[in-house]
Amino acid sequence: MADEISDGAPILDSASAIAGLESDELFNALIDAYDATLIKTLKALQTAMDILDYKEIRMTSHSLKGPSAYIHAERVRRAAEILQQNVDKQEGPKILKSYPVLIKECIVLRREVRSYISKRDSNI
């Protein structure tokens, strides 16, 4: 279904991301930047949702898609895409339904990102 996230999609596929980028260093820089900005982005999204600022909701969810795609975080990328599409269609109930899905996926991803960074840094 168009409004669903594939259960088979990985939370974070670092191996595929590194292979696609052809650089461990670039992936590590992207994952560090992602980790550093995710909470700020989610706070901006929460503020926009609190006041139902659809323009800001769309812009913020869109801003999650690109970086999520770069690091191969398909579940968050797809959840952000669904929220953005619901805003574009002005589907109020679907916006309210897709927002918590995105938040849940971001929380799970953040744990994966922090785990990856922790393991990486302990091997240095």
C-alpha atoms as a PDB file:
ATOM      1  CA  MET A   1       0.000   0.000   0.000  1.00  0.00           C
ATOM      2  CA  ALA A   2       1.221   3.533  -0.773  1.00  0.00           C
ATOM      3  CA  ASP A   3       0.913   4.752   2.831  1.00  0.00           C
ATOM      4  CA  GLU A   4       2.896   1.936   4.400  1.00  0.00           C
ATOM      5  CA  ILE A   5       6.499   1.287   5.244  1.00  0.00           C
ATOM      6  CA  SER A   6       7.874  -2.063   4.173  1.00  0.00           C
ATOM      7  CA  ASP A   7       8.482  -4.256   7.211  1.00  0.00           C
ATOM      8  CA  GLY A   8      11.432  -5.748   5.346  1.00  0.00           C
ATOM      9  CA  ALA A   9      13.212  -2.427   4.961  1.00  0.00           C
ATOM     10  CA  PRO A  10      16.282  -2.118   7.190  1.00  0.00           C
ATOM     11  CA  ILE A  11      16.461   0.573   9.832  1.00  0.00           C
ATOM     12  CA  LEU A  12      20.001   1.473   8.790  1.00  0.00           C
ATOM     13  CA  ASP A  13      21.900  -0.298   6.029  1.00  0.00           C
ATOM     14  CA  SER A  14      25.401   1.034   6.603  1.00  0.00           C
ATOM     15  CA  ALA A  15      27.041  -1.568   4.370  1.00  0.00           C
ATOM     16  CA  SER A  16      24.927  -0.571   1.364  1.00  0.00           C
ATOM     17  CA  ALA A  17      25.406   3.115   2.100  1.00  0.00           C
ATOM     18  CA  ILE A  18      29.197   2.732   2.294  1.00  0.00           C
ATOM     19  CA  ALA A  19      29.209   0.684  -0.917  1.00  0.00           C
ATOM     20  CA  GLY A  20      27.093   3.298  -2.699  1.00  0.00           C
ATOM     21  CA  LEU A  21      29.178   6.194  -1.465  1.00  0.00           C
ATOM     22  CA  GLU A  22      32.389   4.233  -2.074  1.00  0.00           C
ATOM     23  CA  SER A  23      33.821   5.764   1.091  1.00  0.00           C
ATOM     24  CA  ASP A  24      33.786   4.850   4.772  1.00  0.00           C
ATOM     25  CA  GLU A  25      34.942   8.372   5.588  1.00  0.00           C
ATOM     26  CA  LEU A  26      32.076  10.023   3.705  1.00  0.00           C
ATOM     27  CA  PHE A  27      29.527   7.711   5.326  1.00  0.00           C
ATOM     28  CA  ASN A  28      30.981   8.441   8.764  1.00  0.00           C
ATOM     29  CA  ALA A  29      30.775  12.185   8.129  1.00  0.00           C
ATOM     30  CA  LEU A  30      27.159  11.835   6.966  1.00  0.00           C
ATOM     31  CA  ILE A  31      26.153   9.666   9.919  1.00  0.00           C
ATOM     32  CA  ASP A  32      27.769  12.106  12.366  1.00  0.00           C
ATOM     33  CA  ALA A  33      25.943  15.044  10.752  1.00  0.00           C
ATOM     34  CA  TYR A  34      22.686  13.097  10.768  1.00  0.00           C
ATOM     35  CA  ASP A  35      23.079  12.305  14.458  1.00  0.00           C
ATOM     36  CA  ALA A  36      23.930  15.916  15.257  1.00  0.00           C
ATOM     37  CA  THR A  37      20.859  17.351  13.516  1.00  0.00           C
ATOM     38  CA  LEU A  38      18.132  14.739  13.990  1.00  0.00           C
ATOM     39  CA  ILE A  39      16.864  15.964  17.368  1.00  0.00           C
ATOM     40  CA  LYS A  40      16.795  19.588  16.181  1.00  0.00           C
ATOM     41  CA  THR A  41      14.848  18.538  13.084  1.00  0.00           C
ATOM     42  CA  LEU A  42      12.352  16.549  15.140  1.00  0.00           C
ATOM     43  CA  LYS A  43      11.847  19.500  17.500  1.00  0.00           C
ATOM     44  CA  ALA A  44      11.131  21.743  14.505  1.00  0.00           C
ATOM     45  CA  LEU A  45       8.673  19.174  13.209  1.00  0.00           C
ATOM     46  CA  GLN A  46       6.948  18.941  16.602  1.00  0.00           C
ATOM     47  CA  THR A  47       6.606  22.727  16.736  1.00  0.00           C
ATOM     48  CA  ALA A  48       5.094  22.751  13.250  1.00  0.00           C
ATOM     49  CA  MET A  49       2.693  19.950  14.177  1.00  0.00           C
ATOM     50  CA  ASP A  50       1.649  21.763  17.370  1.00  0.00           C
ATOM     51  CA  ILE A  51       0.404  24.720  15.346  1.00  0.00           C
ATOM     52  CA  LEU A  52      -0.475  22.731  12.198  1.00  0.00           C
ATOM     53  CA  ASP A  53       1.893  24.770  10.048  1.00  0.00           C
ATOM     54  CA  TYR A  54       1.586  22.613   6.932  1.00  0.00           C
ATOM     55  CA  LYS A  55       4.262  24.481   5.015  1.00  0.00           C
ATOM     56  CA  GLU A  56       6.783  23.856   7.810  1.00  0.00           C
ATOM     57  CA  ILE A  57       5.645  20.245   8.290  1.00  0.00           C
ATOM     58  CA  ARG A  58       6.203  19.612   4.603  1.00  0.00           C
ATOM     59  CA  MET A  59       9.579  21.365   4.534  1.00  0.00           C
ATOM     60  CA  THR A  60      10.846  19.595   7.654  1.00  0.00           C
ATOM     61  CA  SER A  61       9.676  16.144   6.607  1.00  0.00           C
ATOM     62  CA  HIS A  62      11.230  16.768   3.197  1.00  0.00           C
ATOM     63  CA  SER A  63      14.511  17.723   4.887  1.00  0.00           C
ATOM     64  CA  LEU A  64      14.614  14.272   6.529  1.00  0.00           C
ATOM     65  CA  LYS A  65      14.256  12.380   3.253  1.00  0.00           C
ATOM     66  CA  GLY A  66      17.554  13.252   1.567  1.00  0.00           C
ATOM     67  CA  PRO A  67      19.912  12.581   4.461  1.00  0.00           C
ATOM     68  CA  SER A  68      17.980   9.414   5.320  1.00  0.00           C
ATOM     69  CA  ALA A  69      18.417   8.196   1.757  1.00  0.00           C
ATOM     70  CA  TYR A  70      22.162   8.940   1.817  1.00  0.00           C
ATOM     71  CA  ILE A  71      22.696   6.803   4.909  1.00  0.00           C
ATOM     72  CA  HIS A  72      20.273   4.124   3.671  1.00  0.00           C
ATOM     73  CA  ALA A  73      17.750   4.643   6.461  1.00  0.00           C
ATOM     74  CA  GLU A  74      14.859   3.552   4.252  1.00  0.00           C
ATOM     75  CA  ARG A  75      12.196   3.315   6.949  1.00  0.00           C
ATOM     76  CA  VAL A  76      12.671   6.938   8.043  1.00  0.00           C
ATOM     77  CA  ARG A  77      13.015   8.094   4.448  1.00  0.00           C
ATOM     78  CA  ARG A  78       9.729   6.413   3.561  1.00  0.00           C
ATOM     79  CA  ALA A  79       7.918   7.665   6.683  1.00  0.00           C
ATOM     80  CA  ALA A  80       9.033  11.229   5.908  1.00  0.00           C
ATOM     81  CA  GLU A  81       7.905  10.813   2.315  1.00  0.00           C
ATOM     82  CA  ILE A  82       4.462   9.612   3.421  1.00  0.00           C
ATOM     83  CA  LEU A  83       4.046  12.569   5.787  1.00  0.00           C
ATOM     84  CA  GLN A  84       5.127  14.970   3.061  1.00  0.00           C
ATOM     85  CA  GLN A  85       2.689  13.423   0.566  1.00  0.00           C
ATOM     86  CA  ASN A  86      -0.160  13.664   3.064  1.00  0.00           C
ATOM     87  CA  VAL A  87       0.594  17.361   3.565  1.00  0.00           C
ATOM     88  CA  ASP A  88       0.721  17.884  -0.208  1.00  0.00           C
ATOM     89  CA  LYS A  89      -2.735  16.272  -0.510  1.00  0.00           C
ATOM     90  CA  GLN A  90      -3.972  18.246   2.533  1.00  0.00           C
ATOM     91  CA  GLU A  91      -5.093  14.997   4.148  1.00  0.00           C
ATOM     92  CA  GLY A  92      -5.511  16.152   7.766  1.00  0.00           C
ATOM     93  CA  PRO A  93      -6.368  12.776   9.326  1.00  0.00           C
ATOM     94  CA  LYS A  94      -3.569  11.053   7.411  1.00  0.00           C
ATOM     95  CA  ILE A  95      -1.106  13.736   8.514  1.00  0.00           C
ATOM     96  CA  LEU A  96      -2.056  13.096  12.124  1.00  0.00           C
ATOM     97  CA  LYS A  97      -1.679   9.343  11.553  1.00  0.00           C
ATOM     98  CA  SER A  98       1.640   9.461   9.680  1.00  0.00           C
ATOM     99  CA  TYR A  99       3.395  11.880  12.056  1.00  0.00           C
ATOM    100  CA  PRO A 100       3.721   9.432  14.991  1.00  0.00           C
ATOM    101  CA  VAL A 101       4.923   6.740  12.591  1.00  0.00           C
ATOM    102  CA  LEU A 102       7.745   9.029  11.490  1.00  0.00           C
ATOM    103  CA  ILE A 103       8.637   9.839  15.091  1.00  0.00           C
ATOM    104  CA  LYS A 104       8.706   6.138  16.014  1.00  0.00           C
ATOM    105  CA  GLU A 105      10.933   5.322  13.060  1.00  0.00           C
ATOM    106  CA  CYS A 106      13.275   8.211  13.938  1.00  0.00           C
ATOM    107  CA  ILE A 107      13.598   6.998  17.525  1.00  0.00           C
ATOM    108  CA  VAL A 108      14.486   3.489  16.368  1.00  0.00           C
ATOM    109  CA  LEU A 109      16.925   4.872  13.801  1.00  0.00           C
ATOM    110  CA  ARG A 110      18.598   7.147  16.329  1.00  0.00           C
ATOM    111  CA  ARG A 111      19.330   4.122  18.518  1.00  0.00           C
ATOM    112  CA  GLU A 112      20.884   2.380  15.498  1.00  0.00           C
ATOM    113  CA  VAL A 113      22.913   5.451  14.573  1.00  0.00           C
ATOM    114  CA  ARG A 114      24.173   5.904  18.136  1.00  0.00           C
ATOM    115  CA  SER A 115      25.064   2.199  18.290  1.00  0.00           C
ATOM    116  CA  TYR A 116      26.950   2.407  14.988  1.00  0.00           C
ATOM    117  CA  ILE A 117      28.855   5.506  16.138  1.00  0.00           C
ATOM    118  CA  SER A 118      29.661   3.933  19.505  1.00  0.00           C
ATOM    119  CA  LYS A 119      31.021   0.739  17.894  1.00  0.00           C
ATOM    120  CA  ARG A 120      32.936   2.727  15.313  1.00  0.00           C
ATOM    121  CA  ASP A 121      34.494   5.010  17.898  1.00  0.00           C
ATOM    122  CA  SER A 122      35.463   2.121  20.186  1.00  0.00           C
ATOM    123  CA  ASN A 123      37.441   0.597  17.300  1.00  0.00           C
ATOM    124  CA  ILE A 124      39.520   3.717  16.707  1.00  0.00           C
END
